[in-house]
C-alpha atoms as a PDB file:
ATOM      1  CA  MET A   1      -0.099  -0.168  -0.202  1.00  0.00           C
ATOM      2  CA  LEU A   2       3.220   2.657   0.761  1.00  0.00           C
ATOM      3  CA  ARG A   3       4.522   1.798  -2.512  1.00  0.00           C
ATOM      4  CA  ARG A   4       1.155   2.046  -4.728  1.00  0.00           C
ATOM      5  CA  ASP A   5       0.614   5.899  -2.839  1.00  0.00           C
ATOM      6  CA  ALA A   6       4.347   6.966  -3.565  1.00  0.00           C
ATOM      7  CA  ARG A   7       4.085   5.981  -7.143  1.00  0.00           C
ATOM      8  CA  ARG A   8       0.624   7.533  -8.224  1.00  0.00           C
ATOM      9  CA  PRO A   9       2.201  11.185  -7.273  1.00  0.00           C
ATOM     10  CA  ALA A  10       4.918  10.398 -10.018  1.00  0.00           C
ATOM     11  CA  TRP A  11       2.339   8.803 -12.633  1.00  0.00           C
ATOM     12  CA  ALA A  12       0.352  11.664 -12.020  1.00  0.00           C
ATOM     13  CA  GLY A  13       2.808  13.867 -12.789  1.00  0.00           C
ATOM     14  CA  VAL A  14       4.166  12.484 -16.047  1.00  0.00           C
ATOM     15  CA  ALA A  15       0.354  12.214 -17.198  1.00  0.00           C
ATOM     16  CA  THR A  16      -0.340  16.148 -16.590  1.00  0.00           C
ATOM     17  CA  LEU A  17       2.785  16.872 -18.375  1.00  0.00           C
ATOM     18  CA  VAL A  18       1.193  14.524 -21.177  1.00  0.00           C
ATOM     19  CA  VAL A  19      -1.906  16.074 -21.543  1.00  0.00           C
ATOM     20  CA  LEU A  20       0.164  20.098 -21.472  1.00  0.00           C
ATOM     21  CA  PHE A  21       2.387  18.539 -23.961  1.00  0.00           C
ATOM     22  CA  ALA A  22      -0.812  17.785 -26.126  1.00  0.00           C
ATOM     23  CA  ALA A  23      -2.876  20.630 -25.633  1.00  0.00           C
ATOM     24  CA  TRP A  24       0.128  23.032 -26.598  1.00  0.00           C
ATOM     25  CA  TYR A  25       0.392  21.607 -29.574  1.00  0.00           C
ATOM     26  CA  GLY A  26      -2.741  20.754 -30.940  1.00  0.00           C
ATOM     27  CA  LEU A  27      -3.914  24.689 -29.515  1.00  0.00           C
ATOM     28  CA  THR A  28      -0.922  26.530 -31.733  1.00  0.00           C
ATOM     29  CA  SER A  29       0.321  23.658 -34.718  1.00  0.00           C
ATOM     30  CA  LEU A  30      -3.176  21.423 -35.469  1.00  0.00           C
ATOM     31  CA  THR A  31      -5.869  23.992 -34.290  1.00  0.00           C
ATOM     32  CA  HIS A  32      -3.522  27.050 -35.035  1.00  0.00           C
ATOM     33  CA  THR A  33      -6.038  27.870 -31.772  1.00  0.00           C
ATOM     34  CA  ILE A  34      -3.322  30.180 -30.259  1.00  0.00           C
ATOM     35  CA  SER A  35      -1.488  32.432 -32.786  1.00  0.00           C
ATOM     36  CA  PRO A  36       2.415  31.716 -32.995  1.00  0.00           C
ATOM     37  CA  GLY A  37       2.518  35.862 -31.883  1.00  0.00           C
ATOM     38  CA  ARG A  38       0.951  35.004 -28.922  1.00  0.00           C
ATOM     39  CA  PHE A  39       2.810  31.513 -27.497  1.00  0.00           C
ATOM     40  CA  PRO A  40       4.846  30.057 -29.725  1.00  0.00           C
ATOM     41  CA  SER A  41       4.401  26.050 -31.030  1.00  0.00           C
ATOM     42  CA  PRO A  42       6.593  23.202 -29.952  1.00  0.00           C
ATOM     43  CA  VAL A  43       8.820  23.099 -33.044  1.00  0.00           C
ATOM     44  CA  GLU A  44       9.416  27.124 -32.740  1.00  0.00           C
ATOM     45  CA  SER A  45      10.543  26.701 -29.157  1.00  0.00           C
ATOM     46  CA  TRP A  46      12.800  23.695 -29.826  1.00  0.00           C
ATOM     47  CA  ASP A  47      14.242  25.602 -32.669  1.00  0.00           C
ATOM     48  CA  ALA A  48      15.086  28.691 -30.514  1.00  0.00           C
ATOM     49  CA  LEU A  49      16.170  26.144 -27.851  1.00  0.00           C
ATOM     50  CA  ARG A  50      18.826  24.671 -30.280  1.00  0.00           C
ATOM     51  CA  GLN A  51      19.656  27.992 -32.047  1.00  0.00           C
ATOM     52  CA  ILE A  52      20.389  29.471 -28.323  1.00  0.00           C
ATOM     53  CA  THR A  53      22.328  26.878 -27.186  1.00  0.00           C
ATOM     54  CA  LEU A  54      24.929  25.931 -29.958  1.00  0.00           C
ATOM     55  CA  THR A  55      24.266  29.340 -32.064  1.00  0.00           C
ATOM     56  CA  GLY A  56      23.782  31.990 -29.653  1.00  0.00           C
ATOM     57  CA  TYR A  57      21.994  34.993 -29.377  1.00  0.00           C
ATOM     58  CA  ALA A  58      22.794  38.519 -28.198  1.00  0.00           C
ATOM     59  CA  ASP A  59      26.379  37.692 -28.334  1.00  0.00           C
ATOM     60  CA  ALA A  60      26.267  34.508 -26.229  1.00  0.00           C
ATOM     61  CA  ARG A  61      25.103  31.347 -25.382  1.00  0.00           C
ATOM     62  CA  LEU A  62      22.494  29.204 -22.978  1.00  0.00           C
ATOM     63  CA  HIS A  63      25.078  28.721 -20.631  1.00  0.00           C
ATOM     64  CA  GLU A  64      26.678  32.090 -20.731  1.00  0.00           C
ATOM     65  CA  HIS A  65      23.191  34.011 -20.060  1.00  0.00           C
ATOM     66  CA  VAL A  66      22.505  31.818 -17.705  1.00  0.00           C
ATOM     67  CA  LEU A  67      25.621  32.124 -15.548  1.00  0.00           C
ATOM     68  CA  HIS A  68      25.220  35.726 -16.574  1.00  0.00           C
ATOM     69  CA  SER A  69      21.761  35.955 -14.323  1.00  0.00           C
ATOM     70  CA  VAL A  70      23.463  33.693 -11.563  1.00  0.00           C
ATOM     71  CA  LYS A  71      25.819  36.384 -10.976  1.00  0.00           C
ATOM     72  CA  LEU A  72      23.068  39.066 -11.228  1.00  0.00           C
ATOM     73  CA  VAL A  73      21.297  36.790  -8.606  1.00  0.00           C
ATOM     74  CA  LEU A  74      24.753  36.422  -6.467  1.00  0.00           C
ATOM     75  CA  LEU A  75      25.589  39.683  -6.456  1.00  0.00           C
ATOM     76  CA  GLY A  76      21.902  41.069  -5.354  1.00  0.00           C
ATOM     77  CA  PHE A  77      22.226  38.806  -2.416  1.00  0.00           C
ATOM     78  CA  VAL A  78      25.350  40.403  -1.318  1.00  0.00           C
ATOM     79  CA  ALA A  79      23.970  43.940  -2.305  1.00  0.00           C
ATOM     80  CA  ALA A  80      21.046  42.933  -0.374  1.00  0.00           C
ATOM     81  CA  VAL A  81      23.124  41.396   3.194  1.00  0.00           C
ATOM     82  CA  ILE A  82      25.103  44.456   3.583  1.00  0.00           C
ATOM     83  CA  ALA A  83      22.342  46.813   3.540  1.00  0.00           C
ATOM     84  CA  LEU A  84      21.266  44.904   6.347  1.00  0.00           C
ATOM     85  CA  VAL A  85      24.291  43.686   8.240  1.00  0.00           C
ATOM     86  CA  VAL A  86      26.308  46.965   7.659  1.00  0.00           C
ATOM     87  CA  PRO A  87      23.625  49.154   9.361  1.00  0.00           C
ATOM     88  CA  ALA A  88      23.165  46.828  12.087  1.00  0.00           C
ATOM     89  CA  ALA A  89      27.174  46.702  12.695  1.00  0.00           C
ATOM     90  CA  VAL A  90      27.363  49.996  13.419  1.00  0.00           C
ATOM     91  CA  GLN A  91      23.906  50.593  15.320  1.00  0.00           C
ATOM     92  CA  ALA A  92      25.250  47.440  17.342  1.00  0.00           C
ATOM     93  CA  ALA A  93      28.510  49.295  18.284  1.00  0.00           C
ATOM     94  CA  GLY A  94      27.091  52.589  19.142  1.00  0.00           C
ATOM     95  CA  PRO A  95      27.920  56.015  17.792  1.00  0.00           C
ATOM     96  CA  THR A  96      31.834  57.311  18.307  1.00  0.00           C
ATOM     97  CA  LYS A  97      32.437  58.867  21.621  1.00  0.00           C
ATOM     98  CA  LEU A  98      33.413  62.237  21.386  1.00  0.00           C
ATOM     99  CA  ASP A  99      36.278  63.256  24.397  1.00  0.00           C
ATOM    100  CA  ALA A 100      35.987  67.462  24.191  1.00  0.00           C
ATOM    101  CA  PHE A 101      33.717  69.796  21.870  1.00  0.00           C
ATOM    102  CA  ILE A 102      35.386  72.206  20.164  1.00  0.00           C
ATOM    103  CA  TYR A 103      34.893  75.927  18.290  1.00  0.00           C
ATOM    104  CA  VAL A 104      37.438  77.035  16.322  1.00  0.00           C
ATOM    105  CA  ASP A 105      37.843  80.511  13.859  1.00  0.00           C
ATOM    106  CA  THR A 106      39.772  82.949  12.652  1.00  0.00           C
ATOM    107  CA  VAL A 107      41.251  86.698  12.478  1.00  0.00           C
ATOM    108  CA  ASN A 108      42.865  88.678  10.967  1.00  0.00           C
ATOM    109  CA  GLY A 109      46.149  89.687  13.066  1.00  0.00           C
ATOM    110  CA  THR A 110      47.412  93.268  13.791  1.00  0.00           C
ATOM    111  CA  ARG A 111      50.732  92.515  13.160  1.00  0.00           C
ATOM    112  CA  PRO A 112      51.746  90.812   9.227  1.00  0.00           C
ATOM    113  CA  THR A 113      54.910  90.464   8.323  1.00  0.00           C
ATOM    114  CA  GLY A 114      54.891  90.841   4.667  1.00  0.00           C
ATOM    115  CA  ALA A 115      51.966  92.861   3.737  1.00  0.00           C
ATOM    116  CA  LYS A 116      50.151  96.016   5.566  1.00  0.00           C
ATOM    117  CA  PRO A 117      47.865  96.054   8.141  1.00  0.00           C
ATOM    118  CA  ARG A 118      44.211  95.733   7.597  1.00  0.00           C
ATOM    119  CA  PRO A 119      41.892  98.819   9.004  1.00  0.00           C
ATOM    120  CA  ILE A 120      40.253  96.818  11.185  1.00  0.00           C
ATOM    121  CA  GLY A 121      42.044  94.970  12.894  1.00  0.00           C
ATOM    122  CA  CYS A 122      40.787  91.192  15.132  1.00  0.00           C
ATOM    123  CA  THR A 123      38.149  91.019  12.336  1.00  0.00           C
ATOM    124  CA  GLN A 124      36.650  87.878  11.760  1.00  0.00           C
ATOM    125  CA  SER A 125      37.362  85.654   8.279  1.00  0.00           C
ATOM    126  CA  ASN A 126      39.278  82.348   7.095  1.00  0.00           C
ATOM    127  CA  VAL A 127      39.921  84.356   3.318  1.00  0.00           C
ATOM    128  CA  PHE A 128      43.899  85.993   3.753  1.00  0.00           C
ATOM    129  CA  THR A 129      46.333  87.034   1.172  1.00  0.00           C
ATOM    130  CA  ARG A 130      50.054  85.912   1.311  1.00  0.00           C
ATOM    131  CA  GLY A 131      51.877  87.707   4.241  1.00  0.00           C
ATOM    132  CA  GLU A 132      49.163  88.513   6.518  1.00  0.00           C
ATOM    133  CA  GLN A 133      48.683  86.911   9.899  1.00  0.00           C
ATOM    134  CA  MET A 134      46.075  84.683  10.513  1.00  0.00           C
ATOM    135  CA  VAL A 135      44.962  84.085  14.407  1.00  0.00           C
ATOM    136  CA  PHE A 136      43.472  81.267  15.632  1.00  0.00           C
ATOM    137  CA  ARG A 137      40.871  81.162  18.248  1.00  0.00           C
ATOM    138  CA  VAL A 138      39.788  77.806  20.330  1.00  0.00           C
ATOM    139  CA  TRP A 139      37.234  76.898  22.394  1.00  0.00           C
ATOM    140  CA  GLY A 140      36.741  74.191  23.990  1.00  0.00           C
ATOM    141  CA  THR A 141      35.200  71.400  26.479  1.00  0.00           C
ATOM    142  CA  ASP A 142      35.772  68.520  28.210  1.00  0.00           C
ATOM    143  CA  ALA A 143      32.923  66.208  26.406  1.00  0.00           C
ATOM    144  CA  ALA A 144      32.680  63.886  29.892  1.00  0.00           C
ATOM    145  CA  THR A 145      32.977  66.847  32.708  1.00  0.00           C
ATOM    146  CA  GLY A 146      31.758  69.811  30.876  1.00  0.00           C
ATOM    147  CA  ASP A 147      35.208  71.366  31.666  1.00  0.00           C
ATOM    148  CA  VAL A 148      36.488  74.287  30.041  1.00  0.00           C
ATOM    149  CA  LEU A 149      39.888  73.517  28.167  1.00  0.00           C
ATOM    150  CA  SER A 150      42.494  75.396  30.122  1.00  0.00           C
ATOM    151  CA  THR A 151      45.930  75.047  31.185  1.00  0.00           C
ATOM    152  CA  GLU A 152      44.784  73.569  34.423  1.00  0.00           C
ATOM    153  CA  ASN A 153      43.476  70.233  32.433  1.00  0.00           C
ATOM    154  CA  VAL A 154      45.360  70.684  28.737  1.00  0.00           C
ATOM    155  CA  SER A 155      48.778  69.276  28.403  1.00  0.00           C
ATOM    156  CA  ASP A 156      49.647  70.445  24.838  1.00  0.00           C
ATOM    157  CA  GLY A 157      47.575  71.991  22.653  1.00  0.00           C
ATOM    158  CA  TYR A 158      48.770  73.157  18.953  1.00  0.00           C
ATOM    159  CA  VAL A 159      47.474  73.937  15.491  1.00  0.00           C
ATOM    160  CA  THR A 160      49.282  71.756  12.398  1.00  0.00           C
ATOM    161  CA  PHE A 161      49.290  74.193   9.198  1.00  0.00           C
ATOM    162  CA  PRO A 162      50.598  72.761   5.465  1.00  0.00           C
ATOM    163  CA  GLY A 163      53.630  73.160   5.323  1.00  0.00           C
ATOM    164  CA  MET A 164      54.615  74.218   9.047  1.00  0.00           C
ATOM    165  CA  ALA A 165      55.702  73.561  12.209  1.00  0.00           C
ATOM    166  CA  ASN A 166      53.208  72.682  14.390  1.00  0.00           C
ATOM    167  CA  GLN A 167      51.646  76.455  15.602  1.00  0.00           C
ATOM    168  CA  LYS A 168      51.536  76.279  19.922  1.00  0.00           C
ATOM    169  CA  LEU A 169      48.343  77.378  21.473  1.00  0.00           C
ATOM    170  CA  ASN A 170      48.670  80.141  23.925  1.00  0.00           C
ATOM    171  CA  TRP A 171      45.895  80.347  26.173  1.00  0.00           C
ATOM    172  CA  GLY A 172      44.884  84.275  27.886  1.00  0.00           C
ATOM    173  CA  ALA A 173      42.641  87.203  28.436  1.00  0.00           C
ATOM    174  CA  HIS A 174      41.282  89.432  25.696  1.00  0.00           C
ATOM    175  CA  GLY A 175      39.176  92.143  25.249  1.00  0.00           C
ATOM    176  CA  ALA A 176      38.514  94.839  27.409  1.00  0.00           C
ATOM    177  CA  THR A 177      38.990  95.112  31.369  1.00  0.00           C
ATOM    178  CA  SER A 178      36.071  94.681  32.041  1.00  0.00           C
ATOM    179  CA  ASN A 179      34.937  92.552  29.534  1.00  0.00           C
ATOM    180  CA  ARG A 180      37.662  89.817  29.396  1.00  0.00           C
ATOM    181  CA  VAL A 181      36.938  86.421  27.487  1.00  0.00           C
ATOM    182  CA  TRP A 182      39.832  82.956  28.212  1.00  0.00           C
ATOM    183  CA  PHE A 183      40.150  81.102  24.934  1.00  0.00           C
ATOM    184  CA  TRP A 184      42.956  79.536  22.874  1.00  0.00           C
ATOM    185  CA  THR A 185      44.785  81.739  20.022  1.00  0.00           C
ATOM    186  CA  ALA A 186      48.268  81.238  17.844  1.00  0.00           C
ATOM    187  CA  PRO A 187      49.611  83.515  15.253  1.00  0.00           C
ATOM    188  CA  VAL A 188      50.178  82.128  11.713  1.00  0.00           C
ATOM    189  CA  ASN A 189      52.184  84.434   9.121  1.00  0.00           C
ATOM    190  CA  ILE A 190      51.193  83.066   5.970  1.00  0.00           C
ATOM    191  CA  PRO A 191      54.733  82.648   3.536  1.00  0.00           C
ATOM    192  CA  ALA A 192      54.876  84.922   0.680  1.00  0.00           C
ATOM    193  CA  ASP A 193      54.984  81.657  -1.577  1.00  0.00           C
ATOM    194  CA  PHE A 194      52.359  79.625   0.113  1.00  0.00           C
ATOM    195  CA  PRO A 195      50.123  77.934  -2.364  1.00  0.00           C
ATOM    196  CA  LEU A 196      46.330  79.713  -3.467  1.00  0.00           C
ATOM    197  CA  GLY A 197      43.101  78.153  -2.115  1.00  0.00           C
ATOM    198  CA  THR A 198      41.392  76.438   0.124  1.00  0.00           C
ATOM    199  CA  GLY A 199      43.969  74.681   2.890  1.00  0.00           C
ATOM    200  CA  THR A 200      42.738  72.132   6.003  1.00  0.00           C
ATOM    201  CA  ALA A 201      44.477  73.281   9.101  1.00  0.00           C
ATOM    202  CA  ARG A 202      43.581  71.088  12.332  1.00  0.00           C
ATOM    203  CA  VAL A 203      43.723  72.165  16.034  1.00  0.00           C
ATOM    204  CA  VAL A 204      44.432  69.596  18.308  1.00  0.00           C
ATOM    205  CA  PHE A 205      44.349  69.437  21.838  1.00  0.00           C
ATOM    206  CA  LYS A 206      45.224  66.756  24.677  1.00  0.00           C
ATOM    207  CA  THR A 207      44.363  66.550  27.588  1.00  0.00           C
ATOM    208  CA  ASP A 208      46.090  65.434  31.128  1.00  0.00           C
ATOM    209  CA  ASP A 209      43.848  62.443  31.486  1.00  0.00           C
ATOM    210  CA  GLY A 210      44.639  61.658  28.128  1.00  0.00           C
ATOM    211  CA  LYS A 211      41.791  62.393  26.384  1.00  0.00           C
ATOM    212  CA  THR A 212      42.285  63.733  22.917  1.00  0.00           C
ATOM    213  CA  GLY A 213      40.297  66.104  20.735  1.00  0.00           C
ATOM    214  CA  THR A 214      40.865  67.547  16.891  1.00  0.00           C
ATOM    215  CA  TYR A 215      39.393  70.155  14.912  1.00  0.00           C
ATOM    216  CA  ASP A 216      40.031  70.219  11.436  1.00  0.00           C
ATOM    217  CA  TYR A 217      38.945  74.320   9.883  1.00  0.00           C
ATOM    218  CA  GLN A 218      39.195  74.609   6.556  1.00  0.00           C
ATOM    219  CA  PHE A 219      40.825  78.458   5.212  1.00  0.00           C
ATOM    220  CA  THR A 220      41.095  80.314   2.335  1.00  0.00           C
ATOM    221  CA  ILE A 221      44.477  82.321   0.297  1.00  0.00           C
ATOM    222  CA  VAL A 222      43.392  84.682  -2.226  1.00  0.00           C
ATOM    223  CA  PRO A 223      46.016  86.813  -4.612  1.00  0.00           C
ATOM    224  CA  ALA A 224      46.308  90.542  -2.930  1.00  0.00           C
ATOM    225  CA  LEU A 225      44.939  93.384  -4.427  1.00  0.00           C
ATOM    226  CA  LYS A 226      46.372  96.009  -5.995  1.00  0.00           C
ATOM    227  CA  ALA A 227      45.701  99.897  -5.542  1.00  0.00           C
ATOM    228  CA  VAL A 228      44.909 101.178  -9.244  1.00  0.00           C
ATOM    229  CA  THR A 229      46.180 105.285  -9.451  1.00  0.00           C
ATOM    230  CA  LYS A 230      45.297 107.719 -11.638  1.00  0.00           C
ATOM    231  CA  PRO A 231      47.849 109.451 -13.985  1.00  0.00           C
ATOM    232  CA  LYS A 232      47.232 112.933 -12.287  1.00  0.00           C
ATOM    233  CA  ALA A 233      50.142 114.318 -14.876  1.00  0.00           C
ATOM    234  CA  LYS A 234      47.574 113.361 -17.919  1.00  0.00           C
ATOM    235  CA  LEU A 235      44.400 114.745 -16.355  1.00  0.00           C
ATOM    236  CA  ALA A 236      45.922 118.225 -16.086  1.00  0.00           C
ATOM    237  CA  SER A 237      47.500 118.583 -19.152  1.00  0.00           C
ATOM    238  CA  ARG A 238      43.892 117.019 -20.633  1.00  0.00           C
ATOM    239  CA  ALA A 239      42.825 120.198 -18.603  1.00  0.00           C
ATOM    240  CA  ALA A 240      44.842 122.065 -19.142  1.00  0.00           C
ATOM    241  CA  ASN A 241      44.368 121.946 -23.110  1.00  0.00           C
ATOM    242  CA  ARG A 242      39.943 122.490 -22.461  1.00  0.00           C
END
C-alpha cells in the first residue's frame, strides 16, 4: 500500500505533462487556435532552444546567459546582506564617542610680516592673502565633565598648519578689562609662497587624563589686490588744453 501511494504522484506528474504538451501542440500546431505571435508552438520553441544553445543569441549562448543571470542574482544577494548587516553592526557598536567639543574661528592679525595691516584688526574671516597674519581663536570643553579646556587640564595644544611646524596654542584673556574673555590663540604668518586656494588646518588638544580632541578648519588664500592710481599728470594736461 505504501509503495502504490508513493508511485501515484509520479505517474500523475507524467500524465499531467503529457496532457499539457498535447494541449500545447494541438492549440498551436494543429488547430492554430493560439497564434504563434501569442504563444510559440513546440517546434518553434525547440528551434529557438537549439539556436540559443548552439549558435547563441545577443552575443552569448545559453550557458553564458545562465551564468550571467546567476552572477547578477548573487551580487544582488550580497548587496542585500551588506545593506542589512552593516547598518546593524554600526548601530550595535553605538555612536562614536567624543572626548571634547571644540569651536574654532580665525581673525586677521594686527602684526603681519609680509603685508600691510588691514584698516580694522581682529575682524573674523577665513580668507587671507599671502603675507597676512591669521590668528586662530579656539574654545573647548571636556565632553565628559563639561570643564572648559584650559591650562589646568590641557597638557598640549597646537595648530597643524600645512607646510609649517606645529603652532602652539596659548591660553589667555582678551578684550577690555571690564569684559575679558579667556580662550586659546595661535598666530600664523602666511608665507609669501603659500599656495593659493583652500587649505585645512587641524587644531589638536591633549588633556592631562589622556583624552584627545581635534578640529579641522578650512581657510582660503587669495591673491592680494593691487591699488589702482590715476595718472594725475595726464589729467592735468588735458584740463589745461581745454
